[in-house]
N, C-alpha and C. Protein backbone atom coordinates (compact mmCIF):
# COMPACT_ATOMS: atom_id res chain seq x y z
N GLN A 1 119.28 129.74 3.20
CA GLN A 1 118.68 130.62 4.16
C GLN A 1 117.28 130.14 4.50
N VAL A 2 116.88 130.40 5.72
CA VAL A 2 115.56 130.01 6.20
C VAL A 2 114.69 131.25 6.33
N ASP A 3 113.47 131.13 5.81
CA ASP A 3 112.52 132.23 5.94
C ASP A 3 111.76 132.04 7.26
N VAL A 4 112.04 132.87 8.23
CA VAL A 4 111.42 132.75 9.55
C VAL A 4 110.14 133.56 9.69
N MET A 5 109.74 134.23 8.63
CA MET A 5 108.55 135.08 8.72
C MET A 5 107.29 134.28 9.03
N ALA A 6 107.20 133.05 8.49
CA ALA A 6 106.02 132.22 8.78
C ALA A 6 105.95 131.90 10.28
N MET A 7 107.09 131.58 10.88
CA MET A 7 107.11 131.28 12.32
C MET A 7 106.83 132.53 13.14
N VAL A 8 107.37 133.66 12.73
CA VAL A 8 107.10 134.92 13.41
C VAL A 8 105.61 135.22 13.36
N HIS A 9 105.00 135.00 12.20
CA HIS A 9 103.56 135.23 12.03
C HIS A 9 102.76 134.27 12.93
N LEU A 10 103.17 133.00 12.95
CA LEU A 10 102.47 132.00 13.76
C LEU A 10 102.59 132.33 15.25
N PHE A 11 103.77 132.70 15.70
CA PHE A 11 103.95 133.03 17.11
C PHE A 11 103.22 134.32 17.50
N GLY A 12 102.83 135.10 16.50
CA GLY A 12 102.02 136.27 16.78
C GLY A 12 100.63 135.90 17.28
N TYR A 13 100.21 134.66 17.02
CA TYR A 13 98.91 134.19 17.47
C TYR A 13 98.95 133.53 18.85
N VAL A 14 100.14 133.31 19.39
CA VAL A 14 100.27 132.64 20.68
C VAL A 14 100.59 133.68 21.75
N ASP A 15 99.76 133.72 22.77
CA ASP A 15 99.99 134.62 23.90
C ASP A 15 100.82 133.88 24.93
N MET A 16 102.14 134.02 24.84
CA MET A 16 103.05 133.30 25.72
C MET A 16 103.07 133.86 27.14
N THR A 17 102.42 134.97 27.37
CA THR A 17 102.36 135.53 28.72
C THR A 17 101.13 135.04 29.48
N ASP A 18 100.22 134.35 28.79
CA ASP A 18 99.01 133.82 29.42
C ASP A 18 99.40 132.77 30.46
N SER A 19 98.92 132.92 31.68
CA SER A 19 99.28 131.98 32.75
C SER A 19 98.82 130.56 32.43
N GLY A 20 97.67 130.42 31.76
CA GLY A 20 97.19 129.09 31.38
C GLY A 20 98.13 128.42 30.39
N PHE A 21 98.66 129.21 29.46
CA PHE A 21 99.63 128.68 28.49
C PHE A 21 100.90 128.22 29.21
N ILE A 22 101.38 129.03 30.13
CA ILE A 22 102.60 128.70 30.86
C ILE A 22 102.41 127.43 31.69
N VAL A 23 101.27 127.32 32.38
CA VAL A 23 100.99 126.12 33.18
C VAL A 23 100.88 124.89 32.28
N ALA A 24 100.26 125.03 31.12
CA ALA A 24 100.16 123.92 30.18
C ALA A 24 101.54 123.46 29.71
N VAL A 25 102.39 124.41 29.34
CA VAL A 25 103.74 124.07 28.90
C VAL A 25 104.51 123.37 30.02
N LEU A 26 104.37 123.87 31.24
CA LEU A 26 105.05 123.24 32.37
C LEU A 26 104.54 121.83 32.63
N SER A 27 103.23 121.62 32.55
CA SER A 27 102.69 120.27 32.79
C SER A 27 103.07 119.32 31.66
N ILE A 28 103.09 119.80 30.43
CA ILE A 28 103.49 118.96 29.30
C ILE A 28 104.96 118.56 29.44
N THR A 29 105.78 119.46 29.93
CA THR A 29 107.20 119.19 30.12
C THR A 29 107.44 118.31 31.35
N PHE A 30 106.72 118.58 32.42
CA PHE A 30 106.94 117.88 33.68
C PHE A 30 106.60 116.39 33.61
N ASN A 31 105.48 116.05 32.98
CA ASN A 31 105.00 114.67 33.03
C ASN A 31 106.02 113.63 32.57
N PRO A 32 106.53 113.70 31.34
CA PRO A 32 107.49 112.67 30.94
C PRO A 32 108.79 112.73 31.74
N LEU A 33 109.19 113.92 32.14
CA LEU A 33 110.38 114.05 32.97
C LEU A 33 110.16 113.31 34.30
N PHE A 34 109.03 113.54 34.92
CA PHE A 34 108.71 112.89 36.20
C PHE A 34 108.71 111.38 36.08
N TRP A 35 107.92 110.83 35.12
CA TRP A 35 107.81 109.38 35.11
C TRP A 35 109.09 108.70 34.67
N ASN A 36 109.90 109.35 33.84
CA ASN A 36 111.19 108.75 33.46
C ASN A 36 112.18 108.77 34.61
N VAL A 37 112.22 109.87 35.36
CA VAL A 37 113.13 109.95 36.52
C VAL A 37 112.72 108.94 37.58
N VAL A 38 111.42 108.86 37.88
CA VAL A 38 110.95 107.92 38.89
C VAL A 38 111.20 106.48 38.45
N ALA A 39 110.93 106.16 37.18
CA ALA A 39 111.14 104.79 36.70
C ALA A 39 112.61 104.40 36.73
N ARG A 40 113.49 105.30 36.33
CA ARG A 40 114.93 104.99 36.37
C ARG A 40 115.43 104.86 37.80
N TRP A 41 114.89 105.70 38.69
CA TRP A 41 115.24 105.60 40.11
C TRP A 41 114.79 104.25 40.66
N GLU A 42 113.58 103.83 40.33
CA GLU A 42 113.09 102.52 40.75
C GLU A 42 113.96 101.41 40.20
N HIS A 43 114.34 101.49 38.95
CA HIS A 43 115.17 100.45 38.33
C HIS A 43 116.51 100.32 39.04
N GLN A 44 117.06 101.45 39.48
CA GLN A 44 118.36 101.42 40.15
C GLN A 44 118.28 101.03 41.62
N THR A 45 117.19 101.41 42.30
CA THR A 45 117.13 101.23 43.75
C THR A 45 116.11 100.21 44.23
N ARG A 46 115.08 99.96 43.44
CA ARG A 46 113.94 99.10 43.83
C ARG A 46 113.24 99.65 45.08
N ALA A 47 113.36 100.96 45.31
CA ALA A 47 112.79 101.58 46.50
C ALA A 47 111.27 101.52 46.51
N LEU A 48 110.63 101.81 45.39
CA LEU A 48 109.16 101.77 45.35
C LEU A 48 108.65 100.35 45.55
N SER A 49 109.32 99.39 44.98
CA SER A 49 108.92 97.99 45.16
C SER A 49 108.98 97.59 46.62
N ARG A 50 109.99 98.05 47.33
CA ARG A 50 110.09 97.75 48.77
C ARG A 50 108.99 98.46 49.55
N VAL A 51 108.75 99.73 49.24
CA VAL A 51 107.73 100.50 49.96
C VAL A 51 106.34 99.90 49.76
N PHE A 52 106.02 99.50 48.52
CA PHE A 52 104.69 98.97 48.23
C PHE A 52 104.59 97.45 48.39
N GLY A 53 105.69 96.80 48.72
CA GLY A 53 105.65 95.37 49.00
C GLY A 53 105.85 94.47 47.81
N SER A 54 105.75 94.99 46.61
CA SER A 54 105.99 94.18 45.41
C SER A 54 106.18 95.10 44.21
N PRO A 55 106.89 94.60 43.20
CA PRO A 55 107.05 95.41 41.98
C PRO A 55 105.72 95.70 41.30
N ARG A 56 104.82 94.74 41.29
CA ARG A 56 103.52 94.92 40.63
C ARG A 56 102.71 96.03 41.31
N ALA A 57 102.65 96.02 42.64
CA ALA A 57 101.90 97.05 43.37
C ALA A 57 102.54 98.43 43.14
N ALA A 58 103.86 98.48 43.13
CA ALA A 58 104.56 99.74 42.91
C ALA A 58 104.29 100.26 41.49
N CYS A 59 104.31 99.36 40.51
CA CYS A 59 104.04 99.75 39.12
C CYS A 59 102.61 100.27 38.98
N PHE A 60 101.66 99.60 39.62
CA PHE A 60 100.27 100.05 39.55
C PHE A 60 100.10 101.42 40.21
N CYS A 61 100.80 101.66 41.30
CA CYS A 61 100.71 102.98 41.95
C CYS A 61 101.33 104.07 41.08
N LEU A 62 102.49 103.79 40.49
CA LEU A 62 103.09 104.77 39.59
C LEU A 62 102.18 105.01 38.40
N GLY A 63 101.58 103.94 37.86
CA GLY A 63 100.65 104.09 36.75
C GLY A 63 99.46 104.97 37.12
N ALA A 64 98.96 104.80 38.33
CA ALA A 64 97.84 105.64 38.79
C ALA A 64 98.26 107.11 38.88
N VAL A 65 99.47 107.36 39.37
CA VAL A 65 99.98 108.73 39.45
C VAL A 65 100.14 109.31 38.04
N ILE A 66 100.67 108.51 37.12
CA ILE A 66 100.84 108.97 35.74
C ILE A 66 99.48 109.31 35.12
N LEU A 67 98.48 108.47 35.35
CA LEU A 67 97.14 108.75 34.84
C LEU A 67 96.58 110.04 35.42
N LEU A 68 96.79 110.26 36.71
CA LEU A 68 96.34 111.49 37.36
C LEU A 68 97.04 112.70 36.76
N LEU A 69 98.36 112.61 36.59
CA LEU A 69 99.12 113.71 35.98
C LEU A 69 98.68 113.96 34.54
N ASN A 70 98.34 112.90 33.81
CA ASN A 70 97.85 113.07 32.44
C ASN A 70 96.51 113.79 32.42
N GLY A 71 95.67 113.50 33.41
CA GLY A 71 94.40 114.23 33.51
C GLY A 71 94.63 115.70 33.78
N VAL A 72 95.57 116.01 34.67
CA VAL A 72 95.91 117.41 34.95
C VAL A 72 96.47 118.08 33.70
N ARG A 73 97.37 117.38 33.00
CA ARG A 73 97.96 117.92 31.77
C ARG A 73 96.87 118.20 30.73
N SER A 74 95.96 117.28 30.54
CA SER A 74 94.89 117.46 29.57
C SER A 74 94.00 118.65 29.93
N HIS A 75 93.71 118.79 31.21
CA HIS A 75 92.91 119.94 31.67
C HIS A 75 93.66 121.25 31.40
N CYS A 76 94.93 121.29 31.75
CA CYS A 76 95.73 122.51 31.52
C CYS A 76 95.82 122.83 30.03
N PHE A 77 95.99 121.80 29.21
CA PHE A 77 96.04 122.00 27.76
C PHE A 77 94.73 122.57 27.25
N THR A 78 93.63 122.00 27.70
CA THR A 78 92.30 122.46 27.27
C THR A 78 92.08 123.91 27.67
N GLU A 79 92.41 124.26 28.90
CA GLU A 79 92.23 125.64 29.35
C GLU A 79 93.12 126.60 28.58
N ALA A 80 94.34 126.18 28.27
CA ALA A 80 95.24 127.04 27.49
C ALA A 80 94.69 127.24 26.08
N MET A 81 94.15 126.19 25.50
CA MET A 81 93.59 126.30 24.15
C MET A 81 92.39 127.25 24.14
N LYS A 82 91.60 127.23 25.19
CA LYS A 82 90.43 128.12 25.26
C LYS A 82 90.84 129.59 25.35
N SER A 83 91.96 129.86 26.00
CA SER A 83 92.34 131.25 26.23
C SER A 83 93.22 131.82 25.11
N GLN A 84 93.69 130.98 24.22
CA GLN A 84 94.55 131.46 23.13
C GLN A 84 93.70 131.94 21.95
N PRO A 85 94.22 132.90 21.19
CA PRO A 85 93.49 133.33 19.99
C PRO A 85 93.41 132.19 18.98
N LYS A 86 92.35 132.17 18.20
CA LYS A 86 92.14 131.12 17.22
C LYS A 86 92.49 131.66 15.83
N LEU A 87 93.20 130.85 15.05
CA LEU A 87 93.49 131.22 13.67
C LEU A 87 92.18 131.30 12.89
N GLU A 88 91.99 132.38 12.18
CA GLU A 88 90.75 132.58 11.44
C GLU A 88 90.49 131.47 10.44
N GLY A 89 91.54 130.97 9.80
CA GLY A 89 91.40 129.92 8.81
C GLY A 89 90.94 128.59 9.40
N LEU A 90 91.08 128.43 10.72
CA LEU A 90 90.67 127.19 11.36
C LEU A 90 89.29 127.29 12.00
N ASP A 91 88.66 128.43 11.86
CA ASP A 91 87.33 128.62 12.44
C ASP A 91 86.26 128.25 11.43
N CYS A 92 86.25 126.95 11.06
CA CYS A 92 85.30 126.47 10.07
C CYS A 92 85.02 124.98 10.30
N HIS A 93 84.00 124.48 9.60
CA HIS A 93 83.58 123.09 9.79
C HIS A 93 84.64 122.08 9.36
N TRP A 94 85.32 122.35 8.25
CA TRP A 94 86.29 121.37 7.77
C TRP A 94 87.43 121.19 8.76
N ALA A 95 87.88 122.27 9.40
CA ALA A 95 88.96 122.17 10.38
C ALA A 95 88.49 121.37 11.60
N TYR A 96 87.26 121.60 12.02
CA TYR A 96 86.70 120.86 13.15
C TYR A 96 86.65 119.37 12.84
N TYR A 97 86.13 119.01 11.67
CA TYR A 97 85.99 117.60 11.32
C TYR A 97 87.35 116.95 11.04
N LEU A 98 88.30 117.69 10.49
CA LEU A 98 89.66 117.18 10.32
C LEU A 98 90.27 116.90 11.69
N GLY A 99 90.10 117.85 12.62
CA GLY A 99 90.58 117.65 13.99
C GLY A 99 89.95 116.44 14.65
N LEU A 100 88.65 116.28 14.45
CA LEU A 100 87.93 115.14 15.01
C LEU A 100 88.47 113.82 14.44
N ALA A 101 88.73 113.79 13.13
CA ALA A 101 89.27 112.58 12.50
C ALA A 101 90.66 112.26 13.03
N ILE A 102 91.52 113.27 13.15
CA ILE A 102 92.87 113.06 13.68
C ILE A 102 92.81 112.59 15.12
N LEU A 103 91.92 113.20 15.91
CA LEU A 103 91.73 112.78 17.30
C LEU A 103 91.26 111.32 17.36
N ALA A 104 90.36 110.92 16.49
CA ALA A 104 89.86 109.54 16.48
C ALA A 104 90.96 108.55 16.14
N VAL A 105 91.79 108.86 15.15
CA VAL A 105 92.90 107.98 14.79
C VAL A 105 93.89 107.91 15.95
N GLY A 106 94.20 109.04 16.56
CA GLY A 106 95.10 109.05 17.71
C GLY A 106 94.56 108.23 18.86
N THR A 107 93.28 108.36 19.13
CA THR A 107 92.65 107.57 20.19
C THR A 107 92.72 106.09 19.88
N LEU A 108 92.51 105.72 18.63
CA LEU A 108 92.62 104.32 18.21
C LEU A 108 94.01 103.78 18.51
N PHE A 109 95.05 104.56 18.18
CA PHE A 109 96.42 104.12 18.44
C PHE A 109 96.70 104.01 19.94
N VAL A 110 96.26 104.98 20.72
CA VAL A 110 96.51 104.96 22.16
C VAL A 110 95.78 103.78 22.81
N VAL A 111 94.51 103.61 22.52
CA VAL A 111 93.73 102.54 23.15
C VAL A 111 94.23 101.17 22.71
N SER A 112 94.48 101.00 21.41
CA SER A 112 94.95 99.69 20.95
C SER A 112 96.35 99.38 21.47
N SER A 113 97.19 100.38 21.66
CA SER A 113 98.51 100.17 22.27
C SER A 113 98.35 99.70 23.71
N PHE A 114 97.46 100.36 24.44
CA PHE A 114 97.22 99.98 25.83
C PHE A 114 96.71 98.54 25.90
N LEU A 115 95.78 98.18 25.03
CA LEU A 115 95.23 96.83 25.05
C LEU A 115 96.30 95.79 24.69
N ALA A 116 97.20 96.13 23.77
CA ALA A 116 98.26 95.21 23.37
C ALA A 116 99.32 95.05 24.47
N LEU A 117 99.62 96.13 25.17
CA LEU A 117 100.68 96.11 26.19
C LEU A 117 100.19 95.75 27.58
N GLY A 118 98.94 96.01 27.87
CA GLY A 118 98.44 95.84 29.22
C GLY A 118 98.89 96.99 30.11
N PHE A 119 98.41 96.99 31.35
CA PHE A 119 98.70 98.10 32.26
C PHE A 119 100.20 98.20 32.56
N THR A 120 100.82 97.09 32.94
CA THR A 120 102.23 97.15 33.32
C THR A 120 103.13 97.37 32.11
N GLY A 121 102.73 96.90 30.94
CA GLY A 121 103.50 97.17 29.74
C GLY A 121 103.43 98.63 29.34
N THR A 122 102.29 99.25 29.58
CA THR A 122 102.11 100.66 29.25
C THR A 122 102.80 101.56 30.27
N PHE A 123 102.69 101.20 31.53
CA PHE A 123 103.16 102.09 32.60
C PHE A 123 104.47 101.62 33.21
N LEU A 124 105.46 101.40 32.34
CA LEU A 124 106.86 101.25 32.73
C LEU A 124 107.16 100.01 33.58
N GLY A 125 106.39 98.95 33.39
CA GLY A 125 106.61 97.72 34.15
C GLY A 125 108.01 97.16 33.99
N ASP A 126 108.64 97.36 32.85
CA ASP A 126 109.99 96.83 32.65
C ASP A 126 110.99 97.44 33.64
N TYR A 127 110.77 98.67 34.07
CA TYR A 127 111.65 99.28 35.07
C TYR A 127 111.47 98.65 36.44
N PHE A 128 110.34 97.99 36.63
CA PHE A 128 110.06 97.30 37.88
C PHE A 128 110.41 95.82 37.80
N GLY A 129 110.98 95.41 36.67
CA GLY A 129 111.33 94.02 36.47
C GLY A 129 110.16 93.17 35.96
N ILE A 130 109.07 93.80 35.57
CA ILE A 130 107.90 93.10 35.04
C ILE A 130 108.04 93.11 33.52
N LEU A 131 108.50 92.00 32.97
CA LEU A 131 108.78 91.93 31.54
C LEU A 131 107.70 91.13 30.82
N MET A 132 107.47 91.50 29.58
CA MET A 132 106.52 90.76 28.75
C MET A 132 107.24 89.51 28.23
N GLU A 133 106.47 88.50 27.89
CA GLU A 133 107.06 87.25 27.43
C GLU A 133 107.69 87.39 26.04
N ALA A 134 107.11 88.25 25.21
CA ALA A 134 107.64 88.45 23.86
C ALA A 134 107.35 89.88 23.43
N LYS A 135 108.09 90.32 22.43
CA LYS A 135 107.87 91.66 21.87
C LYS A 135 106.48 91.70 21.25
N VAL A 136 105.76 92.79 21.49
CA VAL A 136 104.43 92.96 20.92
C VAL A 136 104.58 93.40 19.47
N THR A 137 103.98 92.62 18.56
CA THR A 137 104.07 92.93 17.14
C THR A 137 102.69 93.06 16.49
N SER A 138 101.64 92.92 17.29
CA SER A 138 100.28 93.05 16.76
C SER A 138 99.96 94.52 16.56
N PHE A 139 98.77 94.77 15.95
CA PHE A 139 98.32 96.15 15.74
C PHE A 139 98.26 96.87 17.07
N PRO A 140 98.69 98.07 17.16
CA PRO A 140 99.20 99.00 16.14
C PRO A 140 100.71 98.94 15.96
N PHE A 141 101.37 98.06 16.72
CA PHE A 141 102.83 97.95 16.63
C PHE A 141 103.26 97.37 15.29
N SER A 142 102.34 96.77 14.57
CA SER A 142 102.65 96.21 13.25
C SER A 142 102.78 97.30 12.19
N ILE A 143 102.28 98.51 12.49
CA ILE A 143 102.37 99.59 11.50
C ILE A 143 103.17 100.80 11.98
N LEU A 144 103.38 100.92 13.28
CA LEU A 144 104.16 102.04 13.84
C LEU A 144 105.09 101.50 14.93
N ASP A 145 106.26 102.12 15.05
CA ASP A 145 107.18 101.72 16.12
C ASP A 145 106.73 102.23 17.49
N ASN A 146 106.18 103.41 17.54
CA ASN A 146 105.78 104.02 18.81
C ASN A 146 104.34 104.53 18.73
N PRO A 147 103.38 103.62 18.62
CA PRO A 147 101.99 104.06 18.40
C PRO A 147 101.40 104.85 19.57
N MET A 148 101.86 104.61 20.79
CA MET A 148 101.34 105.36 21.93
C MET A 148 101.76 106.82 21.82
N TYR A 149 103.00 107.08 21.48
CA TYR A 149 103.49 108.46 21.33
C TYR A 149 102.84 109.14 20.14
N TRP A 150 102.79 108.46 18.99
CA TRP A 150 102.17 109.04 17.81
C TRP A 150 100.69 109.28 18.05
N GLY A 151 100.03 108.33 18.73
CA GLY A 151 98.61 108.48 19.02
C GLY A 151 98.34 109.66 19.94
N SER A 152 99.14 109.79 20.99
CA SER A 152 98.98 110.92 21.92
C SER A 152 99.19 112.25 21.21
N THR A 153 100.21 112.29 20.36
CA THR A 153 100.47 113.50 19.59
C THR A 153 99.29 113.83 18.69
N ALA A 154 98.74 112.81 18.03
CA ALA A 154 97.58 113.02 17.16
C ALA A 154 96.36 113.50 17.95
N VAL A 155 96.18 112.95 19.15
CA VAL A 155 95.05 113.38 19.99
C VAL A 155 95.16 114.89 20.27
N TYR A 156 96.33 115.33 20.68
CA TYR A 156 96.49 116.75 21.00
C TYR A 156 96.44 117.63 19.76
N LEU A 157 96.95 117.15 18.62
CA LEU A 157 96.84 117.91 17.39
C LEU A 157 95.37 118.04 16.98
N GLY A 158 94.64 116.91 17.00
CA GLY A 158 93.23 116.95 16.65
C GLY A 158 92.44 117.86 17.56
N TRP A 159 92.73 117.76 18.85
CA TRP A 159 92.08 118.61 19.85
C TRP A 159 92.35 120.08 19.55
N SER A 160 93.58 120.37 19.16
CA SER A 160 93.95 121.76 18.85
C SER A 160 93.18 122.28 17.65
N LEU A 161 93.05 121.44 16.63
CA LEU A 161 92.30 121.88 15.44
C LEU A 161 90.83 122.09 15.75
N MET A 162 90.28 121.22 16.59
CA MET A 162 88.87 121.36 16.95
C MET A 162 88.66 122.64 17.75
C-alpha cells in the first residue's frame, strides 16, 4: 500500500487555481511538444529548410524561437513561484544556499553541454540534416547521458528552493 498523505499535504501548498500557475504549467508542457513536433515535421518535409533557403538558416531560426519560448517559460515559472505559498521549512538560509548550489551545478551542465554541442547540436540540427562528425563524449557527457536535461531540471529545482 502507498501512503498518499504526504502528497495530499504537499498539494495543499499548491494553488492550482492560480492563473500564473496554470500558464506556467502550459508553457512548460508546450515548449518541448512544440520543438519536437516542428523538428520531426522538418525532418519529414524539409519545409523550413526550403523556406529559409538552407538547413543551417532554418535550424538557427528554430533555435532562436526555442530560446524565446524558453525565456517566456522561465518568466512564467518565476511568476508562478512568486504567487505560490512557500513551505515554512524552506524559508531559511540553508534552503536558499542549497537552491543556489543546485542552480549553479545545473547551469554548469547546461552551459557546458551547449559548448560541447554547439548551437546546431543543441537546437535539433540533426533533424535538419546537420550532423556532428562524432559522438560528443567530453564533459559533461562523460558523466551524464543527458546533461542538458538534468541541468535544466536542476536549474528549476534550485530556483524553486531559492
